Structures are given as C-alpha cells and as structure tokens.
PDB file of N, CA and C in Angstrom:
ATOM      1  N   MET A   1       0.820  -1.198   0.000  1.00  0.00           N
ATOM      2  CA  MET A   1       0.000   0.000   0.000  1.00  0.00           C
ATOM      3  C   MET A   1       0.856   1.251   0.000  1.00  0.00           C
ATOM      4  N   ALA A   2       1.919   1.253   0.789  1.00  0.00           N
ATOM      5  CA  ALA A   2       2.781   2.438   0.851  1.00  0.00           C
ATOM      6  C   ALA A   2       3.461   2.700  -0.482  1.00  0.00           C
ATOM      7  N   VAL A   3       3.781   1.628  -1.217  1.00  0.00           N
ATOM      8  CA  VAL A   3       4.424   1.811  -2.518  1.00  0.00           C
ATOM      9  C   VAL A   3       3.459   2.450  -3.503  1.00  0.00           C
ATOM     10  N   SER A   4       2.208   2.020  -3.508  1.00  0.00           N
ATOM     11  CA  SER A   4       1.257   2.575  -4.472  1.00  0.00           C
ATOM     12  C   SER A   4       0.954   4.038  -4.166  1.00  0.00           C
ATOM     13  N   ILE A   5       0.900   4.412  -2.882  1.00  0.00           N
ATOM     14  CA  ILE A   5       0.659   5.813  -2.544  1.00  0.00           C
ATOM     15  C   ILE A   5       1.866   6.648  -2.956  1.00  0.00           C
ATOM     16  N   SER A   6       3.057   6.148  -2.719  1.00  0.00           N
ATOM     17  CA  SER A   6       4.257   6.861  -3.130  1.00  0.00           C
ATOM     18  C   SER A   6       4.320   7.002  -4.642  1.00  0.00           C
ATOM     19  N   ALA A   7       3.946   5.969  -5.367  1.00  0.00           N
ATOM     20  CA  ALA A   7       3.947   6.028  -6.823  1.00  0.00           C
ATOM     21  C   ALA A   7       2.929   7.045  -7.323  1.00  0.00           C
ATOM     22  N   VAL A   8       1.777   7.097  -6.696  1.00  0.00           N
ATOM     23  CA  VAL A   8       0.749   8.061  -7.099  1.00  0.00           C
ATOM     24  C   VAL A   8       1.243   9.486  -6.868  1.00  0.00           C
ATOM     25  N   VAL A   9       1.871   9.721  -5.728  1.00  0.00           N
ATOM     26  CA  VAL A   9       2.384  11.060  -5.430  1.00  0.00           C
ATOM     27  C   VAL A   9       3.493  11.429  -6.418  1.00  0.00           C
ATOM     28  N   LEU A  10       4.420  10.507  -6.652  1.00  0.00           N
ATOM     29  CA  LEU A  10       5.523  10.776  -7.571  1.00  0.00           C
ATOM     30  C   LEU A  10       5.018  11.039  -8.987  1.00  0.00           C
ATOM     31  N   LEU A  11       4.128  10.198  -9.473  1.00  0.00           N
ATOM     32  CA  LEU A  11       3.596  10.386 -10.821  1.00  0.00           C
ATOM     33  C   LEU A  11       2.741  11.646 -10.914  1.00  0.00           C
ATOM     34  N   GLY A  12       2.034  11.973  -9.848  1.00  0.00           N
ATOM     35  CA  GLY A  12       1.263  13.215  -9.825  1.00  0.00           C
ATOM     36  C   GLY A  12       2.163  14.436  -9.939  1.00  0.00           C
ATOM     37  N   ILE A  13       3.291  14.415  -9.250  1.00  0.00           N
ATOM     38  CA  ILE A  13       4.239  15.521  -9.334  1.00  0.00           C
ATOM     39  C   ILE A  13       4.824  15.617 -10.739  1.00  0.00           C
ATOM     40  N   VAL A  14       5.170  14.475 -11.326  1.00  0.00           N
ATOM     41  CA  VAL A  14       5.718  14.472 -12.688  1.00  0.00           C
ATOM     42  C   VAL A  14       4.709  15.040 -13.675  1.00  0.00           C
ATOM     43  N   VAL A  15       3.454  14.620 -13.580  1.00  0.00           N
ATOM     44  CA  VAL A  15       2.416  15.124 -14.487  1.00  0.00           C
ATOM     45  C   VAL A  15       2.219  16.620 -14.279  1.00  0.00           C
ATOM     46  N   PHE A  16       2.203  17.064 -13.030  1.00  0.00           N
ATOM     47  CA  PHE A  16       2.033  18.488 -12.743  1.00  0.00           C
ATOM     48  C   PHE A  16       3.160  19.306 -13.376  1.00  0.00           C
ATOM     49  N   VAL A  17       4.393  18.836 -13.216  1.00  0.00           N
ATOM     50  CA  VAL A  17       5.535  19.556 -13.784  1.00  0.00           C
ATOM     51  C   VAL A  17       5.470  19.562 -15.306  1.00  0.00           C
ATOM     52  N   LEU A  18       5.100  18.441 -15.911  1.00  0.00           N
ATOM     53  CA  LEU A  18       5.010  18.386 -17.365  1.00  0.00           C
ATOM     54  C   LEU A  18       3.913  19.294 -17.905  1.00  0.00           C
ATOM     55  N   ILE A  19       2.791  19.368 -17.214  1.00  0.00           N
ATOM     56  CA  ILE A  19       1.715  20.264 -17.644  1.00  0.00           C
ATOM     57  C   ILE A  19       2.151  21.709 -17.470  1.00  0.00           C
ATOM     58  N   ARG A  20       2.764  21.998 -16.350  1.00  0.00           N
ATOM     59  CA  ARG A  20       3.207  23.371 -16.067  1.00  0.00           C
ATOM     60  C   ARG A  20       4.293  23.827 -17.038  1.00  0.00           C
ATOM     61  N   ASP A  21       5.183  22.903 -17.398  1.00  0.00           N
ATOM     62  CA  ASP A  21       6.267  23.205 -18.319  1.00  0.00           C
ATOM     63  C   ASP A  21       5.771  23.385 -19.753  1.00  0.00           C
ATOM     64  N   GLY A  22       4.617  22.846 -20.060  1.00  0.00           N
ATOM     65  CA  GLY A  22       4.076  22.932 -21.407  1.00  0.00           C
ATOM     66  C   GLY A  22       4.425  21.739 -22.270  1.00  0.00           C
ATOM     67  N   SER A  23       5.114  20.746 -21.691  1.00  0.00           N
ATOM     68  CA  SER A  23       5.468  19.548 -22.448  1.00  0.00           C
ATOM     69  C   SER A  23       4.235  18.702 -22.750  1.00  0.00           C
ATOM     70  N   VAL A  24       3.294  18.723 -21.836  1.00  0.00           N
ATOM     71  CA  VAL A  24       2.057  17.960 -21.997  1.00  0.00           C
ATOM     72  C   VAL A  24       0.892  18.914 -21.748  1.00  0.00           C
ATOM     73  N   ARG A  25      -0.059  18.871 -22.623  1.00  0.00           N
ATOM     74  CA  ARG A  25      -1.243  19.717 -22.451  1.00  0.00           C
ATOM     75  C   ARG A  25      -2.215  19.039 -21.487  1.00  0.00           C
ATOM     76  N   LEU A  26      -3.151  19.810 -20.990  1.00  0.00           N
ATOM     77  CA  LEU A  26      -4.080  19.326 -19.977  1.00  0.00           C
ATOM     78  C   LEU A  26      -4.978  18.207 -20.507  1.00  0.00           C
ATOM     79  N   LEU A  27      -5.521  18.352 -21.698  1.00  0.00           N
ATOM     80  CA  LEU A  27      -6.449  17.340 -22.225  1.00  0.00           C
ATOM     81  C   LEU A  27      -5.779  15.978 -22.424  1.00  0.00           C
ATOM     82  N   PRO A  28      -4.588  15.894 -23.042  1.00  0.00           N
ATOM     83  CA  PRO A  28      -3.932  14.579 -23.124  1.00  0.00           C
ATOM     84  C   PRO A  28      -3.590  13.996 -21.759  1.00  0.00           C
ATOM     85  N   ALA A  29      -3.239  14.847 -20.797  1.00  0.00           N
ATOM     86  CA  ALA A  29      -2.949  14.355 -19.448  1.00  0.00           C
ATOM     87  C   ALA A  29      -4.206  13.766 -18.820  1.00  0.00           C
ATOM     88  N   LEU A  30      -5.335  14.416 -19.010  1.00  0.00           N
ATOM     89  CA  LEU A  30      -6.595  13.878 -18.486  1.00  0.00           C
ATOM     90  C   LEU A  30      -6.979  12.584 -19.182  1.00  0.00           C
ATOM     91  N   ALA A  31      -6.708  12.490 -20.484  1.00  0.00           N
ATOM     92  CA  ALA A  31      -6.989  11.253 -21.221  1.00  0.00           C
ATOM     93  C   ALA A  31      -6.133  10.111 -20.678  1.00  0.00           C
ATOM     94  N   CYS A  32      -4.867  10.380 -20.382  1.00  0.00           N
ATOM     95  CA  CYS A  32      -3.984   9.354 -19.820  1.00  0.00           C
ATOM     96  C   CYS A  32      -4.445   8.943 -18.429  1.00  0.00           C
ATOM     97  N   ALA A  33      -4.891   9.911 -17.640  1.00  0.00           N
ATOM     98  CA  ALA A  33      -5.397   9.596 -16.298  1.00  0.00           C
ATOM     99  C   ALA A  33      -6.644   8.724 -16.396  1.00  0.00           C
ATOM    100  N   GLY A  34      -7.530   9.052 -17.311  1.00  0.00           N
ATOM    101  CA  GLY A  34      -8.726   8.236 -17.509  1.00  0.00           C
ATOM    102  C   GLY A  34      -8.378   6.834 -17.968  1.00  0.00           C
ATOM    103  N   PHE A  35      -7.405   6.730 -18.864  1.00  0.00           N
ATOM    104  CA  PHE A  35      -6.960   5.419 -19.330  1.00  0.00           C
ATOM    105  C   PHE A  35      -6.426   4.591 -18.167  1.00  0.00           C
ATOM    106  N   GLY A  36      -5.600   5.208 -17.328  1.00  0.00           N
ATOM    107  CA  GLY A  36      -5.062   4.498 -16.166  1.00  0.00           C
ATOM    108  C   GLY A  36      -6.154   4.081 -15.197  1.00  0.00           C
ATOM    109  N   PHE A  37      -7.143   4.955 -15.018  1.00  0.00           N
ATOM    110  CA  PHE A  37      -8.255   4.641 -14.123  1.00  0.00           C
ATOM    111  C   PHE A  37      -9.020   3.412 -14.613  1.00  0.00           C
ATOM    112  N   PHE A  38      -9.332   3.365 -15.901  1.00  0.00           N
ATOM    113  CA  PHE A  38     -10.072   2.231 -16.433  1.00  0.00           C
ATOM    114  C   PHE A  38      -9.201   0.992 -16.579  1.00  0.00           C
ATOM    115  N   LEU A  39      -7.907   1.171 -16.806  1.00  0.00           N
ATOM    116  CA  LEU A  39      -6.995   0.043 -16.883  1.00  0.00           C
ATOM    117  C   LEU A  39      -6.906  -0.677 -15.541  1.00  0.00           C
ATOM    118  N   ALA A  40      -7.049   0.078 -14.458  1.00  0.00           N
ATOM    119  CA  ALA A  40      -6.972  -0.505 -13.122  1.00  0.00           C
ATOM    120  C   ALA A  40      -8.118  -1.473 -12.849  1.00  0.00           C
ATOM    121  N   SER A  41      -9.193  -1.387 -13.599  1.00  0.00           N
ATOM    122  CA  SER A  41     -10.330  -2.282 -13.375  1.00  0.00           C
ATOM    123  C   SER A  41     -10.334  -3.473 -14.336  1.00  0.00           C
ATOM    124  N   THR A  42      -9.262  -3.664 -15.105  1.00  0.00           N
ATOM    125  CA  THR A  42      -9.189  -4.787 -16.032  1.00  0.00           C
ATOM    126  C   THR A  42      -8.340  -5.901 -15.443  1.00  0.00           C
ATOM    127  N   GLY A  43      -8.197  -6.955 -16.195  1.00  0.00           N
ATOM    128  CA  GLY A  43      -7.373  -8.085 -15.772  1.00  0.00           C
ATOM    129  C   GLY A  43      -5.885  -7.786 -15.812  1.00  0.00           C
ATOM    130  N   ALA A  44      -5.502  -6.684 -16.442  1.00  0.00           N
ATOM    131  CA  ALA A  44      -4.085  -6.326 -16.527  1.00  0.00           C
ATOM    132  C   ALA A  44      -3.575  -5.710 -15.231  1.00  0.00           C
ATOM    133  N   ALA A  45      -4.461  -5.264 -14.370  1.00  0.00           N
ATOM    134  CA  ALA A  45      -4.050  -4.574 -13.136  1.00  0.00           C
ATOM    135  C   ALA A  45      -3.153  -5.430 -12.244  1.00  0.00           C
ATOM    136  N   PRO A  46      -3.476  -6.708 -11.984  1.00  0.00           N
ATOM    137  CA  PRO A  46      -2.585  -7.503 -11.125  1.00  0.00           C
ATOM    138  C   PRO A  46      -1.197  -7.708 -11.733  1.00  0.00           C
ATOM    139  N   VAL A  47      -1.139  -7.851 -13.048  1.00  0.00           N
ATOM    140  CA  VAL A  47       0.156  -8.030 -13.710  1.00  0.00           C
ATOM    141  C   VAL A  47       1.002  -6.768 -13.553  1.00  0.00           C
ATOM    142  N   ILE A  48       0.392  -5.617 -13.771  1.00  0.00           N
ATOM    143  CA  ILE A  48       1.101  -4.344 -13.629  1.00  0.00           C
ATOM    144  C   ILE A  48       1.528  -4.141 -12.179  1.00  0.00           C
ATOM    145  N   ARG A  49       0.638  -4.428 -11.240  1.00  0.00           N
ATOM    146  CA  ARG A  49       0.951  -4.279  -9.817  1.00  0.00           C
ATOM    147  C   ARG A  49       2.118  -5.197  -9.420  1.00  0.00           C
ATOM    148  N   ASN A  50       2.116  -6.432  -9.920  1.00  0.00           N
ATOM    149  CA  ASN A  50       3.209  -7.354  -9.614  1.00  0.00           C
ATOM    150  C   ASN A  50       4.530  -6.891 -10.230  1.00  0.00           C
ATOM    151  N   ALA A  51       4.471  -6.355 -11.438  1.00  0.00           N
ATOM    152  CA  ALA A  51       5.686  -5.863 -12.090  1.00  0.00           C
ATOM    153  C   ALA A  51       6.255  -4.667 -11.334  1.00  0.00           C
ATOM    154  N   ILE A  52       5.404  -3.759 -10.901  1.00  0.00           N
ATOM    155  CA  ILE A  52       5.869  -2.606 -10.139  1.00  0.00           C
ATOM    156  C   ILE A  52       6.427  -3.060  -8.793  1.00  0.00           C
ATOM    157  N   GLY A  53       5.781  -4.036  -8.169  1.00  0.00           N
ATOM    158  CA  GLY A  53       6.290  -4.582  -6.916  1.00  0.00           C
ATOM    159  C   GLY A  53       7.652  -5.234  -7.082  1.00  0.00           C
ATOM    160  N   ALA A  54       7.843  -5.933  -8.188  1.00  0.00           N
ATOM    161  CA  ALA A  54       9.137  -6.569  -8.443  1.00  0.00           C
ATOM    162  C   ALA A  54      10.224  -5.527  -8.652  1.00  0.00           C
ATOM    163  N   VAL A  55       9.907  -4.475  -9.389  1.00  0.00           N
ATOM    164  CA  VAL A  55      10.893  -3.421  -9.633  1.00  0.00           C
ATOM    165  C   VAL A  55      11.236  -2.691  -8.344  1.00  0.00           C
ATOM    166  N   THR A  56      10.230  -2.357  -7.542  1.00  0.00           N
ATOM    167  CA  THR A  56      10.522  -1.662  -6.284  1.00  0.00           C
ATOM    168  C   THR A  56      11.272  -2.568  -5.317  1.00  0.00           C
ATOM    169  N   GLY A  57      10.978  -3.850  -5.329  1.00  0.00           N
ATOM    170  CA  GLY A  57      11.730  -4.793  -4.496  1.00  0.00           C
ATOM    171  C   GLY A  57      13.174  -4.905  -4.949  1.00  0.00           C
ATOM    172  N   TRP A  58      13.382  -4.896  -6.256  1.00  0.00           N
ATOM    173  CA  TRP A  58      14.730  -4.949  -6.798  1.00  0.00           C
ATOM    174  C   TRP A  58      15.508  -3.683  -6.428  1.00  0.00           C
ATOM    175  N   ILE A  59      14.845  -2.523  -6.538  1.00  0.00           N
ATOM    176  CA  ILE A  59      15.507  -1.260  -6.214  1.00  0.00           C
ATOM    177  C   ILE A  59      15.834  -1.193  -4.728  1.00  0.00           C
ATOM    178  N   SER A  60      14.935  -1.664  -3.877  1.00  0.00           N
ATOM    179  CA  SER A  60      15.207  -1.602  -2.438  1.00  0.00           C
ATOM    180  C   SER A  60      16.304  -2.550  -2.000  1.00  0.00           C
ATOM    181  N   SER A  61      16.588  -3.576  -2.787  1.00  0.00           N
ATOM    182  CA  SER A  61      17.648  -4.514  -2.421  1.00  0.00           C
ATOM    183  C   SER A  61      19.037  -4.019  -2.820  1.00  0.00           C
ATOM    184  N   ILE A  62      19.081  -2.933  -3.556  1.00  0.00           N
ATOM    185  CA  ILE A  62      20.389  -2.380  -3.986  1.00  0.00           C
ATOM    186  C   ILE A  62      21.036  -1.644  -2.846  1.00  0.00           C
TER     187      ILE A  62
END
C-alpha cells in the first residue's frame, strides 16, 4: 500500500511539472489519467501491480 501511494504522489508531481512546463497539455494528461483509471479495473491490473512490486523490491535490495 505504501508503494502505491508513493507512486501516485511521484507520478502526480511528474504530471504536474510536465503540464506546467508545457510539455504535456491538460487534455492529453486527463486522457492518460482516464486510461489508467479504467486500466486498473481490467485483468491487466494484477500483472502491472506485480511488475511494479518486483521493480521496487529490486531497487530496495540495492
């Protein structure tokens, strides 16, 4: 749970900076957020969650 909250905060900051910088416009950012929201309710969510868990576990072991 702590990893997912940290990832949400980190990705939120990245999106905010990209929108503020002008690299990404607001509408495409909202489309990506909507895509992620609906992707979380599909069968791909556990695979993505496991992959992120494996990467964070690998990084923490360094």
